[in-house]
Amino acid sequence: MTFVRILVLVLLPFAATIAAAKQPTVLVMGDSLSAGYGIKLEEGWVNLLRQDLAKKQQATIINASVSGETTSGGLTRFPALLSKHKPDIVILELGGNDGLRGQPIKIMRENLQAMINLSQATRAKIILAGMQIPTNYGARYTTQFKDVYSELATTNKTALIPFLLEGIAAHSELIQRDNIHPTAEAQPMIVKNVLPVLLPIIKEASK
């Protein structure tokens, strides 16, 4: 048996282990809800998610969220982020600021669709994080806003978190004084809303 062949036989199990332990990269593309506005950065849901997944070495989390970000601003930054991080999974948590500013639903939908298209072109899996806005914006606008996420998820066959702040938004004690952003105590609840959707996709991407 040659030395090269012996070396291959010795290293083969290690190579298999490395392949089996592949950790997908998850890019979180969000606004202040994911950037930890009003709380310590380490208390934010994205960081808590990173810690949770790190326990079992399940994924690498990149947080590209910026407070105040709109879908237009996100779309501008997105191509460079895809090129730099080459994510396997993208969580799109954008649109809330579009809604709060009363931006046309059509523009928001087009921007989100463009980011979905860019992600799919790199073969990254998409998770849309659904959002809702206060009813004082009018029933028609708030309904159309809410429906954008489920419509895009259905059209593009992507995963959907129906409402990122499910179980939180209706409880004033879990919302900061600005009546918009979740408190530090609410952040673990957001993680619980994300994990059931994210974990199956991480498992698939790890193969």
Protein backbone atom coordinates (compact mmCIF):
# COMPACT_ATOMS: atom_id res chain seq x y z
CA MET A 1 0.00 0.00 0.00
CA THR A 2 1.46 3.35 -1.05
CA PHE A 3 1.92 6.25 1.33
CA VAL A 4 -0.61 8.37 -0.58
CA ARG A 5 -3.24 5.67 -0.31
CA ILE A 6 -2.64 5.28 3.41
CA LEU A 7 -2.94 9.04 3.84
CA VAL A 8 -6.25 9.09 1.99
CA LEU A 9 -7.63 6.29 4.15
CA VAL A 10 -6.56 8.09 7.29
CA LEU A 11 -8.00 11.46 6.28
CA LEU A 12 -11.24 10.17 4.75
CA PRO A 13 -13.15 9.87 8.04
CA PHE A 14 -12.14 13.41 8.98
CA ALA A 15 -13.33 14.74 5.63
CA ALA A 16 -16.66 12.97 6.09
CA THR A 17 -17.04 14.49 9.53
CA ILE A 18 -16.36 17.98 8.20
CA ALA A 19 -18.89 17.51 5.40
CA ALA A 20 -21.51 16.24 7.84
CA ALA A 21 -20.93 19.22 10.12
CA LYS A 22 -21.63 21.87 7.48
CA GLN A 23 -23.14 24.96 9.07
CA PRO A 24 -25.41 27.02 6.83
CA THR A 25 -25.07 30.79 6.91
CA VAL A 26 -28.26 32.69 7.77
CA LEU A 27 -28.47 36.35 6.76
CA VAL A 28 -31.03 38.40 8.71
CA MET A 29 -32.06 41.38 6.62
CA GLY A 30 -34.21 43.53 8.86
CA ASP A 31 -35.00 46.86 10.44
CA SER A 32 -35.05 48.07 14.06
CA LEU A 33 -37.01 45.01 15.19
CA SER A 34 -33.99 42.88 14.34
CA ALA A 35 -31.35 45.50 15.09
CA GLY A 36 -32.29 45.59 18.78
CA TYR A 37 -33.63 49.13 18.94
CA GLY A 38 -34.04 50.43 22.50
CA ILE A 39 -32.40 47.44 24.16
CA LYS A 40 -28.88 46.10 24.55
CA LEU A 41 -27.63 44.48 21.36
CA GLU A 42 -26.95 41.19 23.13
CA GLU A 43 -30.59 41.09 24.28
CA GLY A 44 -31.99 41.26 20.74
CA TRP A 45 -33.72 38.27 19.23
CA VAL A 46 -31.12 37.78 16.50
CA ASN A 47 -28.33 37.47 19.05
CA LEU A 48 -30.45 35.13 21.18
CA LEU A 49 -31.09 33.04 18.07
CA ARG A 50 -27.34 32.99 17.35
CA GLN A 51 -26.66 31.72 20.87
CA ASP A 52 -29.38 29.08 20.61
CA LEU A 53 -28.12 27.72 17.30
CA ALA A 54 -24.48 27.84 18.43
CA LYS A 55 -25.19 25.34 21.20
CA LYS A 56 -25.60 22.62 18.60
CA GLN A 57 -23.43 24.25 15.92
CA GLN A 58 -26.48 24.45 13.65
CA ALA A 59 -25.83 27.69 11.74
CA THR A 60 -23.84 30.89 11.42
CA ILE A 61 -25.96 34.03 11.86
CA ILE A 62 -25.16 37.32 10.11
CA ASN A 63 -27.24 40.28 11.26
CA ALA A 64 -27.44 42.93 8.53
CA SER A 65 -30.37 44.76 10.12
CA VAL A 66 -30.45 48.56 10.34
CA SER A 67 -32.84 50.64 12.42
CA GLY A 68 -35.17 52.69 10.23
CA GLU A 69 -34.57 50.52 7.17
CA THR A 70 -37.24 50.40 4.48
CA THR A 71 -37.60 47.87 1.69
CA SER A 72 -36.08 50.43 -0.69
CA GLY A 73 -33.02 50.91 1.50
CA GLY A 74 -32.73 47.19 2.04
CA LEU A 75 -32.84 46.49 -1.67
CA THR A 76 -30.04 48.99 -2.23
CA ARG A 77 -27.77 47.23 0.28
CA PHE A 78 -28.81 43.67 -0.52
CA PRO A 79 -26.68 42.71 -3.56
CA ALA A 80 -23.44 43.58 -1.78
CA LEU A 81 -24.49 41.61 1.30
CA LEU A 82 -25.32 38.54 -0.78
CA SER A 83 -21.95 38.79 -2.51
CA LYS A 84 -20.04 39.23 0.73
CA HIS A 85 -21.72 36.64 2.97
CA LYS A 86 -23.04 34.11 0.41
CA PRO A 87 -25.88 33.03 2.71
CA ASP A 88 -27.64 29.70 2.43
CA ILE A 89 -30.74 31.17 4.08
CA VAL A 90 -32.10 34.72 4.08
CA ILE A 91 -34.63 36.00 6.62
CA LEU A 92 -36.34 39.06 5.13
CA GLU A 93 -37.75 41.16 7.98
CA LEU A 94 -38.55 44.39 6.19
CA GLY A 95 -41.62 46.45 5.40
CA GLY A 96 -42.63 47.75 8.81
CA ASN A 97 -41.14 51.19 8.18
CA ASP A 98 -42.74 51.31 4.73
CA GLY A 99 -46.10 50.78 6.39
CA LEU A 100 -45.55 53.26 9.22
CA ARG A 101 -44.63 55.89 6.63
CA GLY A 102 -47.67 55.11 4.53
CA GLN A 103 -45.60 54.09 1.51
CA PRO A 104 -47.49 52.59 -1.45
CA ILE A 105 -48.02 48.85 -0.99
CA LYS A 106 -47.06 48.32 -4.63
CA ILE A 107 -43.54 49.66 -4.06
CA MET A 108 -43.07 47.58 -0.92
CA ARG A 109 -44.20 44.44 -2.74
CA GLU A 110 -41.90 45.12 -5.70
CA ASN A 111 -38.90 45.70 -3.43
CA LEU A 112 -39.49 42.50 -1.46
CA GLN A 113 -39.98 40.58 -4.71
CA ALA A 114 -36.71 41.96 -6.04
CA MET A 115 -34.87 40.75 -2.92
CA ILE A 116 -36.50 37.36 -3.24
CA ASN A 117 -35.38 37.18 -6.87
CA LEU A 118 -31.81 38.11 -5.95
CA SER A 119 -31.75 35.50 -3.19
CA GLN A 120 -33.14 32.76 -5.39
CA ALA A 121 -30.57 33.58 -8.05
CA THR A 122 -27.89 32.59 -5.51
CA ARG A 123 -29.93 29.50 -4.49
CA ALA A 124 -30.45 30.90 -1.00
CA LYS A 125 -33.61 29.77 0.80
CA ILE A 126 -35.98 32.59 1.77
CA ILE A 127 -37.97 33.13 4.93
CA LEU A 128 -40.38 36.07 4.90
CA ALA A 129 -41.09 37.53 8.33
CA GLY A 130 -44.65 38.85 8.24
CA MET A 131 -45.47 42.16 9.83
CA GLN A 132 -48.62 44.11 10.72
CA ILE A 133 -49.22 47.80 11.36
CA PRO A 134 -51.73 49.63 13.62
CA THR A 135 -55.33 49.77 12.48
CA ASN A 136 -55.38 53.58 12.58
CA TYR A 137 -53.81 53.51 9.10
CA GLY A 138 -57.19 52.40 7.78
CA ALA A 139 -58.66 48.94 7.29
CA ARG A 140 -57.91 48.76 3.57
CA TYR A 141 -54.25 49.75 3.88
CA THR A 142 -53.53 47.59 6.94
CA THR A 143 -55.16 44.54 5.34
CA GLN A 144 -53.26 44.98 2.08
CA PHE A 145 -50.04 45.48 4.03
CA LYS A 146 -50.52 42.31 6.05
CA ASP A 147 -51.47 40.26 2.98
CA VAL A 148 -48.30 41.18 1.03
CA TYR A 149 -46.22 38.66 2.99
CA SER A 150 -48.51 35.66 2.56
CA GLU A 151 -49.10 36.52 -1.11
CA LEU A 152 -45.35 36.73 -1.83
CA ALA A 153 -44.69 33.53 0.10
CA THR A 154 -47.35 31.68 -1.89
CA THR A 155 -46.27 33.09 -5.25
CA ASN A 156 -42.59 32.35 -4.69
CA LYS A 157 -43.06 29.16 -2.65
CA THR A 158 -41.00 30.53 0.21
CA ALA A 159 -41.26 29.93 3.94
CA LEU A 160 -43.30 32.39 6.00
CA ILE A 161 -43.37 33.50 9.61
CA PRO A 162 -46.99 34.73 9.58
CA PHE A 163 -46.38 37.51 12.14
CA LEU A 164 -42.98 38.07 13.74
CA LEU A 165 -44.55 39.70 16.81
CA GLU A 166 -47.27 37.08 17.35
CA GLY A 167 -48.18 36.95 21.04
CA ILE A 168 -46.30 40.20 21.67
CA ALA A 169 -47.85 43.14 19.81
CA ALA A 170 -51.16 42.97 21.68
CA HIS A 171 -49.51 43.04 25.11
CA SER A 172 -48.50 46.56 26.13
CA GLU A 173 -46.17 45.28 28.85
CA LEU A 174 -44.02 43.68 26.13
CA ILE A 175 -43.77 46.89 24.08
CA GLN A 176 -41.47 49.83 24.74
CA ARG A 177 -42.83 53.31 25.49
CA ASP A 178 -42.78 54.21 21.79
CA ASN A 179 -45.63 51.70 21.31
CA ILE A 180 -43.70 50.06 18.46
CA HIS A 181 -40.63 48.14 19.57
CA PRO A 182 -40.64 44.99 21.73
CA THR A 183 -38.94 45.04 25.12
CA ALA A 184 -35.98 42.86 26.07
CA GLU A 185 -38.43 40.50 27.79
CA ALA A 186 -40.21 39.95 24.46
CA GLN A 187 -37.10 38.96 22.52
CA PRO A 188 -37.10 35.25 23.50
CA MET A 189 -40.71 35.09 22.32
CA ILE A 190 -39.65 36.34 18.89
CA VAL A 191 -37.06 33.55 18.76
CA LYS A 192 -39.84 31.06 19.50
CA ASN A 193 -41.81 32.48 16.55
CA VAL A 194 -38.80 32.10 14.25
CA LEU A 195 -37.38 28.71 15.19
CA PRO A 196 -40.25 26.44 14.00
CA VAL A 197 -39.90 27.91 10.52
CA LEU A 198 -36.12 28.21 10.46
CA LEU A 199 -34.99 24.87 11.89
CA PRO A 200 -36.38 22.62 9.11
CA ILE A 201 -34.72 24.84 6.51
CA ILE A 202 -31.40 24.72 8.38
CA LYS A 203 -31.66 20.94 8.47
CA GLU A 204 -32.25 20.80 4.73
CA ALA A 205 -29.43 23.25 3.99
CA SER A 206 -27.03 21.24 6.16
CA LYS A 207 -27.23 18.17 3.93
